[in-house]
Each structure stands twice: as structure tokens, then as C-alpha cells.
Amino acid sequence: MTWTLPEPMLAAPVSDPALLPGWAGEPKWDGFRAGVCVDAGRVVLRSRRGTDMAPAFPEVVAGAVQLPDATALDGELAAWDAAGRLAFERLQNRLARRGAGAARTAKEWSTHFVAFDLLRLSGTDTTGWPYQRRRAALESVFTARRLSAPWAPCQSTLLSRAIESCSHRTESSLLLRQLAQSRS
């Protein structure tokens, strides 16, 4: 049976960003939501609406050799300017580029895949695992494989103060139930 990237779990607004017991927080990045899947040397990079993004982001596709085979991540394509601020406009300029134009632009404005969920690991569907277990497995992949650019792990925290701090540098914050399964 062929495994395909599931629909992403989307955020919903809350009135109070305080972290309650049993919840974790992550920053929301100002980028393009994407899923990446590596299977038998084939790389799929897809937007949350299903658009093939691989031709526009060749550096992410090339970096997929760092991932274990039969693995899928949910995350955000993000770019930063020279001052270290998120630069969404750089991503927008990348979408229409293909081939040599995309490769040239990737050298000028590299993009990172900020991974915040592990959907599949070496052929095992992890979407039924609780968030804590998926998060530990994601961090283990980053450590064991010594992942480097274009891969970046999304920060996760159990501290309200850290969420407030992240919200000043990113678009906003996401709150996640630690025992929840992925609804991807």
C-alpha cells in the first residue's frame, strides 16, 4: 500500500494563550505550511492545499537525503533576512521559479523546513501516537541524523513565559495537547 501525506492539522484561535497542564506551546512561523515525505529516494514536498512545491525549493528536496527513508514531516518553509527576521516576501518570490531559476534563487535566499511534527518514521505511521511521543521521536531523528540546513526543529515548550517571548519574534504561538494524536 502506498503511503501519502495526510492533510495537515490546522491551528484554531484561542482567547487566552496561557499554557494549561498537559499542553505544550510552539511558535507559529510566518512561512508556507508544508509536508515532506521521503520514500525510496522519491521526495514529495507539498503545500497544505496539495500544491507540489518541490520545483520551487530545490534545496529542501536536495536536503531530504539527510532524512531516514520512508519518513514524513509536517512543518513550515521559512526564510530569514540578513537581520534574522522572518521574510515571508522571499518565499512568495520563490513560488514561480523552476529549474535553473529556482536553483539560483535558492543560493541567494535559502529556505529552511522548520519541522514541528513527525508523521511517519522509517515506514511506521506515527499520526496515532500522542504528541509527546511524536515530539521525542522528531527530536531523536534530528539528533541521531545530525540534521542540518535546510532542516530546523521547531521549538516546543511547556513554559508560558517562553511562549510569550516567542510570540514577539514569530507570527504567533500554537498550543498543543501533549497526549493528543495528530489529526493530520
C-alpha atoms as a PDB file:
ATOM      1  CA  MET A   1       0.000   0.000   0.000  1.00  0.00           C
ATOM      2  CA  THR A   2       1.313   3.480  -0.888  1.00  0.00           C
ATOM      3  CA  TRP A   3       1.563   5.950   1.964  1.00  0.00           C
ATOM      4  CA  THR A   4       0.627   9.564   1.215  1.00  0.00           C
ATOM      5  CA  LEU A   5       0.995  12.756   3.209  1.00  0.00           C
ATOM      6  CA  PRO A   6      -2.147  13.351   5.272  1.00  0.00           C
ATOM      7  CA  GLU A   7      -3.999  16.647   5.397  1.00  0.00           C
ATOM      8  CA  PRO A   8      -2.276  18.948   7.909  1.00  0.00           C
ATOM      9  CA  MET A   9      -3.758  19.646  11.326  1.00  0.00           C
ATOM     10  CA  LEU A  10      -4.662  23.343  11.304  1.00  0.00           C
ATOM     11  CA  ALA A  11      -4.464  25.828  14.147  1.00  0.00           C
ATOM     12  CA  ALA A  12      -7.520  27.453  15.717  1.00  0.00           C
ATOM     13  CA  PRO A  13      -7.512  30.751  17.640  1.00  0.00           C
ATOM     14  CA  VAL A  14      -7.834  30.776  21.435  1.00  0.00           C
ATOM     15  CA  SER A  15      -8.770  33.668  23.695  1.00  0.00           C
ATOM     16  CA  ASP A  16      -6.048  33.014  26.302  1.00  0.00           C
ATOM     17  CA  PRO A  17      -2.569  31.829  25.256  1.00  0.00           C
ATOM     18  CA  ALA A  18      -1.694  30.593  28.755  1.00  0.00           C
ATOM     19  CA  LEU A  19      -0.370  27.047  28.838  1.00  0.00           C
ATOM     20  CA  LEU A  20      -2.520  24.725  30.898  1.00  0.00           C
ATOM     21  CA  PRO A  21      -1.266  21.471  32.418  1.00  0.00           C
ATOM     22  CA  GLY A  22      -0.979  18.824  29.711  1.00  0.00           C
ATOM     23  CA  TRP A  23      -0.358  21.355  26.936  1.00  0.00           C
ATOM     24  CA  ALA A  24       2.798  22.392  25.039  1.00  0.00           C
ATOM     25  CA  GLY A  25       3.449  25.522  23.003  1.00  0.00           C
ATOM     26  CA  GLU A  26       5.221  26.169  19.715  1.00  0.00           C
ATOM     27  CA  PRO A  27       5.825  29.358  17.734  1.00  0.00           C
ATOM     28  CA  LYS A  28       3.815  29.855  14.552  1.00  0.00           C
ATOM     29  CA  TRP A  29       6.137  30.723  11.725  1.00  0.00           C
ATOM     30  CA  ASP A  30       5.437  33.264   9.001  1.00  0.00           C
ATOM     31  CA  GLY A  31       6.007  30.920   6.090  1.00  0.00           C
ATOM     32  CA  PHE A  32       4.363  28.270   3.942  1.00  0.00           C
ATOM     33  CA  ARG A  33       2.877  25.251   5.699  1.00  0.00           C
ATOM     34  CA  ALA A  34       4.267  22.140   4.044  1.00  0.00           C
ATOM     35  CA  GLY A  35       4.699  18.419   4.351  1.00  0.00           C
ATOM     36  CA  VAL A  36       7.707  16.481   3.139  1.00  0.00           C
ATOM     37  CA  CYS A  37       7.868  12.751   2.549  1.00  0.00           C
ATOM     38  CA  VAL A  38      10.890  10.672   1.545  1.00  0.00           C
ATOM     39  CA  ASP A  39      10.141   7.209   0.207  1.00  0.00           C
ATOM     40  CA  ALA A  40      12.585   5.013  -1.744  1.00  0.00           C
ATOM     41  CA  GLY A  41      14.533   8.049  -2.960  1.00  0.00           C
ATOM     42  CA  ARG A  42      11.416   9.939  -4.072  1.00  0.00           C
ATOM     43  CA  VAL A  43      10.779  13.257  -2.331  1.00  0.00           C
ATOM     44  CA  VAL A  44       7.354  14.873  -2.102  1.00  0.00           C
ATOM     45  CA  LEU A  45       7.165  18.479  -0.869  1.00  0.00           C
ATOM     46  CA  ARG A  46       3.560  19.619  -0.758  1.00  0.00           C
ATOM     47  CA  SER A  47       1.732  22.708   0.481  1.00  0.00           C
ATOM     48  CA  ARG A  48      -1.173  22.327   2.882  1.00  0.00           C
ATOM     49  CA  ARG A  49      -3.515  22.733  -0.094  1.00  0.00           C
ATOM     50  CA  GLY A  50      -1.743  19.968  -2.041  1.00  0.00           C
ATOM     51  CA  THR A  51       0.428  22.052  -4.388  1.00  0.00           C
ATOM     52  CA  ASP A  52       3.718  20.451  -5.442  1.00  0.00           C
ATOM     53  CA  MET A  53       6.381  22.789  -4.030  1.00  0.00           C
ATOM     54  CA  ALA A  54       9.458  20.698  -4.860  1.00  0.00           C
ATOM     55  CA  PRO A  55      10.396  22.554  -8.079  1.00  0.00           C
ATOM     56  CA  ALA A  56      10.428  25.914  -6.258  1.00  0.00           C
ATOM     57  CA  PHE A  57      12.521  24.727  -3.285  1.00  0.00           C
ATOM     58  CA  PRO A  58      15.310  22.502  -4.655  1.00  0.00           C
ATOM     59  CA  GLU A  59      17.470  22.971  -1.550  1.00  0.00           C
ATOM     60  CA  VAL A  60      14.799  21.291   0.604  1.00  0.00           C
ATOM     61  CA  VAL A  61      14.450  18.413  -1.871  1.00  0.00           C
ATOM     62  CA  ALA A  62      18.258  18.001  -2.006  1.00  0.00           C
ATOM     63  CA  GLY A  63      18.418  18.076   1.800  1.00  0.00           C
ATOM     64  CA  ALA A  64      15.941  15.193   2.038  1.00  0.00           C
ATOM     65  CA  VAL A  65      18.855  12.729   1.707  1.00  0.00           C
ATOM     66  CA  GLN A  66      19.527  13.508   5.391  1.00  0.00           C
ATOM     67  CA  LEU A  67      16.174  12.032   6.433  1.00  0.00           C
ATOM     68  CA  PRO A  68      15.568   8.333   7.095  1.00  0.00           C
ATOM     69  CA  ASP A  69      13.819   6.569   4.210  1.00  0.00           C
ATOM     70  CA  ALA A  70      10.024   6.204   4.497  1.00  0.00           C
ATOM     71  CA  THR A  71       9.784   9.263   6.740  1.00  0.00           C
ATOM     72  CA  ALA A  72       7.428  12.263   6.611  1.00  0.00           C
ATOM     73  CA  LEU A  73       7.484  15.598   8.429  1.00  0.00           C
ATOM     74  CA  ASP A  74       4.923  18.352   8.901  1.00  0.00           C
ATOM     75  CA  GLY A  75       6.347  21.836   9.124  1.00  0.00           C
ATOM     76  CA  GLU A  76       6.766  25.281   7.684  1.00  0.00           C
ATOM     77  CA  LEU A  77       9.001  26.582   4.914  1.00  0.00           C
ATOM     78  CA  ALA A  78      10.587  29.730   6.310  1.00  0.00           C
ATOM     79  CA  ALA A  79      13.183  32.273   5.210  1.00  0.00           C
ATOM     80  CA  TRP A  80      15.053  34.912   7.181  1.00  0.00           C
ATOM     81  CA  ASP A  81      16.546  38.221   6.101  1.00  0.00           C
ATOM     82  CA  ALA A  82      20.096  39.389   6.894  1.00  0.00           C
ATOM     83  CA  ALA A  83      18.897  40.786  10.242  1.00  0.00           C
ATOM     84  CA  GLY A  84      17.464  37.409  11.290  1.00  0.00           C
ATOM     85  CA  ARG A  85      13.808  38.417  10.864  1.00  0.00           C
ATOM     86  CA  LEU A  86      11.318  36.166   9.130  1.00  0.00           C
ATOM     87  CA  ALA A  87      10.987  37.253   5.490  1.00  0.00           C
ATOM     88  CA  PHE A  88       7.755  35.920   4.005  1.00  0.00           C
ATOM     89  CA  GLU A  89       8.217  38.013   0.856  1.00  0.00           C
ATOM     90  CA  ARG A  90      11.291  35.925  -0.016  1.00  0.00           C
ATOM     91  CA  LEU A  91       9.130  32.807  -0.012  1.00  0.00           C
ATOM     92  CA  GLN A  92       6.488  34.408  -2.187  1.00  0.00           C
ATOM     93  CA  ASN A  93       9.124  35.254  -4.787  1.00  0.00           C
ATOM     94  CA  ARG A  94      10.204  31.611  -4.901  1.00  0.00           C
ATOM     95  CA  LEU A  95       6.907  30.005  -5.902  1.00  0.00           C
ATOM     96  CA  ALA A  96       7.034  30.881  -9.595  1.00  0.00           C
ATOM     97  CA  ARG A  97      10.650  29.805 -10.055  1.00  0.00           C
ATOM     98  CA  ARG A  98      11.585  26.445 -11.515  1.00  0.00           C
ATOM     99  CA  GLY A  99      14.755  24.726 -12.772  1.00  0.00           C
ATOM    100  CA  ALA A 100      17.866  26.886 -13.009  1.00  0.00           C
ATOM    101  CA  GLY A 101      15.942  29.955 -11.803  1.00  0.00           C
ATOM    102  CA  ALA A 102      14.883  28.148  -8.624  1.00  0.00           C
ATOM    103  CA  ALA A 103      18.419  26.855  -8.003  1.00  0.00           C
ATOM    104  CA  ARG A 104      19.898  30.332  -8.481  1.00  0.00           C
ATOM    105  CA  THR A 105      17.329  31.889  -6.143  1.00  0.00           C
ATOM    106  CA  ALA A 106      17.906  29.138  -3.554  1.00  0.00           C
ATOM    107  CA  LYS A 107      21.569  30.208  -3.352  1.00  0.00           C
ATOM    108  CA  GLU A 108      20.534  33.835  -2.785  1.00  0.00           C
ATOM    109  CA  TRP A 109      17.588  33.210  -0.428  1.00  0.00           C
ATOM    110  CA  SER A 110      17.838  29.796   1.123  1.00  0.00           C
ATOM    111  CA  THR A 111      14.758  28.354   2.756  1.00  0.00           C
ATOM    112  CA  HIS A 112      14.553  26.146   5.818  1.00  0.00           C
ATOM    113  CA  PHE A 113      11.999  23.486   6.630  1.00  0.00           C
ATOM    114  CA  VAL A 114      11.041  24.087  10.268  1.00  0.00           C
ATOM    115  CA  ALA A 115       9.771  20.666  11.373  1.00  0.00           C
ATOM    116  CA  PHE A 116       7.144  20.543  14.079  1.00  0.00           C
ATOM    117  CA  ASP A 117       5.662  17.073  13.686  1.00  0.00           C
ATOM    118  CA  LEU A 118       6.770  13.598  12.681  1.00  0.00           C
ATOM    119  CA  LEU A 119       4.046  11.889  10.649  1.00  0.00           C
ATOM    120  CA  ARG A 120       5.943   8.776   9.603  1.00  0.00           C
ATOM    121  CA  LEU A 121       9.241   7.265  10.713  1.00  0.00           C
ATOM    122  CA  SER A 122      11.050   4.577   8.722  1.00  0.00           C
ATOM    123  CA  GLY A 123       7.750   3.212   7.423  1.00  0.00           C
ATOM    124  CA  THR A 124       5.779   3.488  10.689  1.00  0.00           C
ATOM    125  CA  ASP A 125       2.749   5.803  10.641  1.00  0.00           C
ATOM    126  CA  THR A 126       3.165   7.928  13.785  1.00  0.00           C
ATOM    127  CA  THR A 127      -0.016  10.002  13.499  1.00  0.00           C
ATOM    128  CA  GLY A 128      -1.741   7.796  16.093  1.00  0.00           C
ATOM    129  CA  TRP A 129       0.990   8.421  18.649  1.00  0.00           C
ATOM    130  CA  PRO A 130       0.477  11.077  21.353  1.00  0.00           C
ATOM    131  CA  TYR A 131       2.184  14.439  20.726  1.00  0.00           C
ATOM    132  CA  GLN A 132       4.820  13.787  23.426  1.00  0.00           C
ATOM    133  CA  ARG A 133       5.928  10.563  21.760  1.00  0.00           C
ATOM    134  CA  ARG A 134       5.985  12.097  18.250  1.00  0.00           C
ATOM    135  CA  ARG A 135       7.920  15.092  19.591  1.00  0.00           C
ATOM    136  CA  ALA A 136      10.511  12.858  21.288  1.00  0.00           C
ATOM    137  CA  ALA A 137      10.878  10.820  18.087  1.00  0.00           C
ATOM    138  CA  LEU A 138      11.267  14.001  15.994  1.00  0.00           C
ATOM    139  CA  GLU A 139      13.994  15.301  18.314  1.00  0.00           C
ATOM    140  CA  SER A 140      15.670  11.880  18.185  1.00  0.00           C
ATOM    141  CA  VAL A 141      15.760  11.996  14.372  1.00  0.00           C
ATOM    142  CA  PHE A 142      17.394  15.443  14.483  1.00  0.00           C
ATOM    143  CA  THR A 143      19.979  14.233  16.997  1.00  0.00           C
ATOM    144  CA  ALA A 144      20.723  10.793  15.560  1.00  0.00           C
ATOM    145  CA  ARG A 145      20.914  12.011  11.956  1.00  0.00           C
ATOM    146  CA  ARG A 146      22.648  15.293  12.894  1.00  0.00           C
ATOM    147  CA  LEU A 147      20.259  17.120  10.603  1.00  0.00           C
ATOM    148  CA  SER A 148      21.473  20.463   9.306  1.00  0.00           C
ATOM    149  CA  ALA A 149      20.212  23.090   6.881  1.00  0.00           C
ATOM    150  CA  PRO A 150      17.683  23.116   5.342  1.00  0.00           C
ATOM    151  CA  TRP A 151      16.223  21.295   8.393  1.00  0.00           C
ATOM    152  CA  ALA A 152      15.408  23.102  11.628  1.00  0.00           C
ATOM    153  CA  PRO A 153      13.430  21.733  14.573  1.00  0.00           C
ATOM    154  CA  CYS A 154      10.549  23.849  15.796  1.00  0.00           C
ATOM    155  CA  GLN A 155      10.963  24.811  19.428  1.00  0.00           C
ATOM    156  CA  SER A 156       8.485  23.266  21.825  1.00  0.00           C
ATOM    157  CA  THR A 157       7.990  24.402  25.384  1.00  0.00           C
ATOM    158  CA  LEU A 158       5.954  23.782  28.482  1.00  0.00           C
ATOM    159  CA  LEU A 159       6.674  27.291  29.810  1.00  0.00           C
ATOM    160  CA  SER A 160       4.176  30.147  29.361  1.00  0.00           C
ATOM    161  CA  ARG A 161       6.971  32.729  29.604  1.00  0.00           C
ATOM    162  CA  ALA A 162       8.751  31.132  26.625  1.00  0.00           C
ATOM    163  CA  ILE A 163       5.536  31.271  24.579  1.00  0.00           C
ATOM    164  CA  GLU A 164       5.207  34.997  25.309  1.00  0.00           C
ATOM    165  CA  SER A 165       8.830  35.534  24.252  1.00  0.00           C
ATOM    166  CA  CYS A 166       8.431  33.548  21.017  1.00  0.00           C
ATOM    167  CA  SER A 167       5.301  35.491  20.087  1.00  0.00           C
ATOM    168  CA  HIS A 168       7.393  38.651  19.840  1.00  0.00           C
ATOM    169  CA  ARG A 169       9.708  37.055  17.224  1.00  0.00           C
ATOM    170  CA  THR A 170       7.262  34.934  15.241  1.00  0.00           C
ATOM    171  CA  GLU A 171       3.767  35.342  13.844  1.00  0.00           C
ATOM    172  CA  SER A 172       2.063  33.922  16.967  1.00  0.00           C
ATOM    173  CA  SER A 173       2.075  30.756  19.068  1.00  0.00           C
ATOM    174  CA  LEU A 174       0.366  27.375  18.865  1.00  0.00           C
ATOM    175  CA  LEU A 175      -0.832  25.363  21.840  1.00  0.00           C
ATOM    176  CA  LEU A 176      -0.936  21.564  21.601  1.00  0.00           C
ATOM    177  CA  ARG A 177      -2.336  18.848  23.853  1.00  0.00           C
ATOM    178  CA  GLN A 178       0.585  16.677  24.905  1.00  0.00           C
ATOM    179  CA  LEU A 179      -1.393  13.464  24.752  1.00  0.00           C
ATOM    180  CA  ALA A 180      -3.229  14.274  21.517  1.00  0.00           C
ATOM    181  CA  GLN A 181      -2.861  12.209  18.373  1.00  0.00           C
ATOM    182  CA  SER A 182      -2.095  14.028  15.153  1.00  0.00           C
ATOM    183  CA  ARG A 183      -5.254  14.949  13.250  1.00  0.00           C
ATOM    184  CA  SER A 184      -3.143  15.364  10.133  1.00  0.00           C
END
